[in-house]
Amino acid sequence: MPALLDGLRILVLEDEFLIAMDVEQLCRDHGAAEVTIAREIVEIDGQALSARFDAAVVDLMLGGVSTLDFAARLRSEGVPFVFA
């Protein structure tokens, strides 16, 4: 039986190290092929998101700054995401 995230490339946008590491491990445990952790939007800004990621886990607030605009970009590029 295939794992839930079998072969997917996941973006984890999270500024708290321990949370990011937990989410990364959960993704890997469920079959993700690649997990990229970014602590700030600028680390991945300007990249074609849909070509690089299959899904994303997004912190709603990064250092007190809302990620709603970034989430809108994910949506417009067809990348499914969840706020965490």
N, C-alpha and C. Protein backbone atom coordinates (compact mmCIF):
# COMPACT_ATOMS: atom_id res chain seq x y z
N MET A 1 0.85 -1.18 0.00
CA MET A 1 0.00 0.00 0.00
C MET A 1 0.89 1.25 0.00
N PRO A 2 0.68 2.16 -0.94
CA PRO A 2 1.53 3.36 -1.00
C PRO A 2 1.30 4.27 0.20
N ALA A 3 2.36 4.98 0.56
CA ALA A 3 2.28 5.94 1.66
C ALA A 3 1.46 7.15 1.22
N LEU A 4 0.93 7.87 2.18
CA LEU A 4 0.06 9.01 1.94
C LEU A 4 0.71 10.07 1.04
N LEU A 5 1.97 10.36 1.25
CA LEU A 5 2.68 11.40 0.49
C LEU A 5 3.70 10.80 -0.47
N ASP A 6 3.46 9.58 -0.88
CA ASP A 6 4.43 8.83 -1.68
C ASP A 6 4.95 9.61 -2.88
N GLY A 7 6.26 9.91 -2.84
CA GLY A 7 6.93 10.55 -3.96
C GLY A 7 6.73 12.04 -4.10
N LEU A 8 5.98 12.67 -3.21
CA LEU A 8 5.69 14.11 -3.34
C LEU A 8 6.85 14.97 -2.86
N ARG A 9 6.92 16.17 -3.43
CA ARG A 9 7.90 17.20 -3.03
C ARG A 9 7.14 18.23 -2.19
N ILE A 10 7.50 18.34 -0.94
CA ILE A 10 6.76 19.16 0.02
C ILE A 10 7.59 20.37 0.45
N LEU A 11 6.94 21.52 0.47
CA LEU A 11 7.53 22.73 1.02
C LEU A 11 7.00 22.91 2.43
N VAL A 12 7.88 23.14 3.39
CA VAL A 12 7.49 23.47 4.76
C VAL A 12 7.97 24.89 5.01
N LEU A 13 7.03 25.82 5.13
CA LEU A 13 7.35 27.22 5.40
C LEU A 13 7.04 27.48 6.87
N GLU A 14 8.08 27.45 7.69
CA GLU A 14 7.92 27.52 9.16
C GLU A 14 9.15 28.17 9.75
N ASP A 15 8.94 29.15 10.64
CA ASP A 15 10.08 29.86 11.23
C ASP A 15 10.54 29.27 12.56
N GLU A 16 9.80 28.35 13.13
CA GLU A 16 10.22 27.73 14.39
C GLU A 16 10.89 26.39 14.07
N PHE A 17 12.17 26.30 14.42
CA PHE A 17 13.01 25.17 14.04
C PHE A 17 12.42 23.81 14.43
N LEU A 18 12.02 23.66 15.68
CA LEU A 18 11.53 22.35 16.14
C LEU A 18 10.25 21.94 15.44
N ILE A 19 9.36 22.88 15.21
CA ILE A 19 8.13 22.57 14.48
C ILE A 19 8.46 22.15 13.05
N ALA A 20 9.36 22.89 12.41
CA ALA A 20 9.76 22.56 11.04
C ALA A 20 10.35 21.16 10.96
N MET A 21 11.18 20.82 11.93
CA MET A 21 11.80 19.49 11.93
C MET A 21 10.76 18.40 12.15
N ASP A 22 9.79 18.64 13.04
CA ASP A 22 8.71 17.66 13.26
C ASP A 22 7.89 17.45 11.99
N VAL A 23 7.52 18.54 11.34
CA VAL A 23 6.72 18.44 10.11
C VAL A 23 7.52 17.72 9.02
N GLU A 24 8.80 18.05 8.92
CA GLU A 24 9.65 17.36 7.93
C GLU A 24 9.66 15.86 8.18
N GLN A 25 9.86 15.46 9.43
CA GLN A 25 9.91 14.03 9.74
C GLN A 25 8.58 13.34 9.46
N LEU A 26 7.47 14.00 9.79
CA LEU A 26 6.15 13.43 9.49
C LEU A 26 5.97 13.23 7.99
N CYS A 27 6.38 14.22 7.21
CA CYS A 27 6.27 14.10 5.75
C CYS A 27 7.11 12.94 5.24
N ARG A 28 8.33 12.83 5.74
CA ARG A 28 9.20 11.73 5.31
C ARG A 28 8.64 10.37 5.75
N ASP A 29 8.10 10.31 6.97
CA ASP A 29 7.51 9.07 7.46
C ASP A 29 6.34 8.61 6.59
N HIS A 30 5.67 9.56 5.95
CA HIS A 30 4.52 9.25 5.11
C HIS A 30 4.86 9.21 3.62
N GLY A 31 6.16 9.12 3.31
CA GLY A 31 6.59 8.83 1.96
C GLY A 31 7.03 9.98 1.08
N ALA A 32 7.10 11.20 1.61
CA ALA A 32 7.54 12.33 0.79
C ALA A 32 8.94 12.07 0.24
N ALA A 33 9.11 12.35 -1.04
CA ALA A 33 10.41 12.14 -1.68
C ALA A 33 11.39 13.24 -1.33
N GLU A 34 10.87 14.45 -1.17
CA GLU A 34 11.71 15.61 -0.89
C GLU A 34 10.94 16.56 0.02
N VAL A 35 11.61 17.07 1.04
CA VAL A 35 11.02 18.06 1.93
C VAL A 35 11.97 19.24 2.01
N THR A 36 11.49 20.40 1.62
CA THR A 36 12.28 21.62 1.66
C THR A 36 11.75 22.51 2.78
N ILE A 37 12.62 22.91 3.69
CA ILE A 37 12.23 23.81 4.78
C ILE A 37 12.72 25.21 4.45
N ALA A 38 11.81 26.16 4.55
CA ALA A 38 12.16 27.58 4.39
C ALA A 38 11.67 28.31 5.64
N ARG A 39 12.52 29.18 6.17
CA ARG A 39 12.15 29.93 7.38
C ARG A 39 11.59 31.30 7.04
N GLU A 40 11.82 31.75 5.81
CA GLU A 40 11.31 33.05 5.35
C GLU A 40 10.85 32.91 3.91
N ILE A 41 9.86 33.70 3.53
CA ILE A 41 9.34 33.66 2.16
C ILE A 41 10.43 34.02 1.16
N VAL A 42 11.32 34.93 1.52
CA VAL A 42 12.36 35.35 0.58
C VAL A 42 13.27 34.19 0.15
N GLU A 43 13.33 33.13 0.94
CA GLU A 43 14.15 31.98 0.58
C GLU A 43 13.62 31.25 -0.66
N ILE A 44 12.33 31.37 -0.92
CA ILE A 44 11.73 30.68 -2.06
C ILE A 44 11.03 31.62 -3.01
N ASP A 45 11.01 32.91 -2.70
CA ASP A 45 10.34 33.89 -3.55
C ASP A 45 11.02 33.96 -4.91
N GLY A 46 10.22 34.12 -5.94
CA GLY A 46 10.75 34.22 -7.29
C GLY A 46 10.90 32.88 -8.00
N GLN A 47 10.68 31.79 -7.29
CA GLN A 47 10.77 30.46 -7.90
C GLN A 47 9.40 30.05 -8.43
N ALA A 48 9.40 29.26 -9.47
CA ALA A 48 8.15 28.69 -9.99
C ALA A 48 7.72 27.59 -9.02
N LEU A 49 6.78 27.90 -8.17
CA LEU A 49 6.40 26.99 -7.09
C LEU A 49 5.83 25.67 -7.59
N SER A 50 4.96 25.74 -8.59
CA SER A 50 4.32 24.50 -9.06
C SER A 50 5.31 23.56 -9.74
N ALA A 51 6.41 24.10 -10.26
CA ALA A 51 7.43 23.26 -10.88
C ALA A 51 8.33 22.63 -9.83
N ARG A 52 8.36 23.22 -8.64
CA ARG A 52 9.28 22.76 -7.61
C ARG A 52 8.60 21.94 -6.51
N PHE A 53 7.32 22.24 -6.20
CA PHE A 53 6.64 21.59 -5.08
C PHE A 53 5.29 21.02 -5.50
N ASP A 54 4.93 19.89 -4.87
CA ASP A 54 3.63 19.28 -5.10
C ASP A 54 2.61 19.73 -4.06
N ALA A 55 3.07 20.16 -2.90
CA ALA A 55 2.19 20.60 -1.82
C ALA A 55 3.02 21.39 -0.81
N ALA A 56 2.33 22.10 0.08
CA ALA A 56 3.04 22.92 1.07
C ALA A 56 2.32 22.92 2.41
N VAL A 57 3.11 23.03 3.46
CA VAL A 57 2.63 23.25 4.82
C VAL A 57 3.13 24.64 5.20
N VAL A 58 2.20 25.55 5.49
CA VAL A 58 2.55 26.97 5.64
C VAL A 58 2.16 27.47 7.03
N ASP A 59 3.11 28.08 7.71
CA ASP A 59 2.85 28.78 8.97
C ASP A 59 2.08 30.05 8.63
N LEU A 60 0.99 30.32 9.31
CA LEU A 60 0.16 31.48 9.01
C LEU A 60 0.89 32.80 9.28
N MET A 61 1.75 32.81 10.30
CA MET A 61 2.50 34.02 10.64
C MET A 61 3.98 33.68 10.73
N LEU A 62 4.79 34.34 9.93
CA LEU A 62 6.24 34.16 9.99
C LEU A 62 6.85 35.41 10.58
N GLY A 63 7.37 35.30 11.79
CA GLY A 63 7.97 36.46 12.43
C GLY A 63 7.03 37.64 12.54
N GLY A 64 5.76 37.37 12.76
CA GLY A 64 4.77 38.43 12.90
C GLY A 64 4.22 38.95 11.58
N VAL A 65 4.61 38.34 10.47
CA VAL A 65 4.15 38.76 9.14
C VAL A 65 3.22 37.69 8.57
N SER A 66 2.07 38.10 8.08
CA SER A 66 1.09 37.18 7.51
C SER A 66 1.62 36.52 6.24
N THR A 67 1.25 35.27 6.05
CA THR A 67 1.62 34.54 4.83
C THR A 67 0.44 34.39 3.88
N LEU A 68 -0.61 35.16 4.10
CA LEU A 68 -1.80 35.05 3.25
C LEU A 68 -1.51 35.36 1.79
N ASP A 69 -0.69 36.36 1.51
CA ASP A 69 -0.34 36.68 0.12
C ASP A 69 0.43 35.53 -0.53
N PHE A 70 1.33 34.92 0.23
CA PHE A 70 2.07 33.77 -0.29
C PHE A 70 1.12 32.61 -0.55
N ALA A 71 0.16 32.39 0.35
CA ALA A 71 -0.82 31.32 0.16
C ALA A 71 -1.65 31.57 -1.10
N ALA A 72 -1.98 32.82 -1.35
CA ALA A 72 -2.72 33.15 -2.58
C ALA A 72 -1.89 32.81 -3.81
N ARG A 73 -0.59 33.03 -3.72
CA ARG A 73 0.30 32.67 -4.83
C ARG A 73 0.34 31.16 -5.03
N LEU A 74 0.43 30.41 -3.93
CA LEU A 74 0.39 28.95 -4.04
C LEU A 74 -0.89 28.52 -4.74
N ARG A 75 -2.00 29.09 -4.31
CA ARG A 75 -3.30 28.73 -4.89
C ARG A 75 -3.33 29.04 -6.38
N SER A 76 -2.85 30.22 -6.75
CA SER A 76 -2.88 30.61 -8.17
C SER A 76 -1.99 29.72 -9.03
N GLU A 77 -0.95 29.15 -8.43
CA GLU A 77 -0.06 28.25 -9.16
C GLU A 77 -0.50 26.78 -9.06
N GLY A 78 -1.61 26.54 -8.37
CA GLY A 78 -2.14 25.18 -8.29
C GLY A 78 -1.43 24.27 -7.31
N VAL A 79 -0.76 24.86 -6.32
CA VAL A 79 -0.06 24.06 -5.31
C VAL A 79 -0.96 23.95 -4.08
N PRO A 80 -1.44 22.75 -3.75
CA PRO A 80 -2.27 22.61 -2.56
C PRO A 80 -1.44 22.88 -1.30
N PHE A 81 -2.09 23.47 -0.30
CA PHE A 81 -1.38 23.80 0.93
C PHE A 81 -2.33 23.70 2.11
N VAL A 82 -1.71 23.67 3.28
CA VAL A 82 -2.45 23.69 4.54
C VAL A 82 -1.72 24.65 5.46
N PHE A 83 -2.49 25.44 6.22
CA PHE A 83 -1.88 26.29 7.24
C PHE A 83 -1.63 25.46 8.49
N ALA A 84 -0.49 25.67 9.11
CA ALA A 84 -0.17 24.93 10.33
C ALA A 84 0.28 25.90 11.41
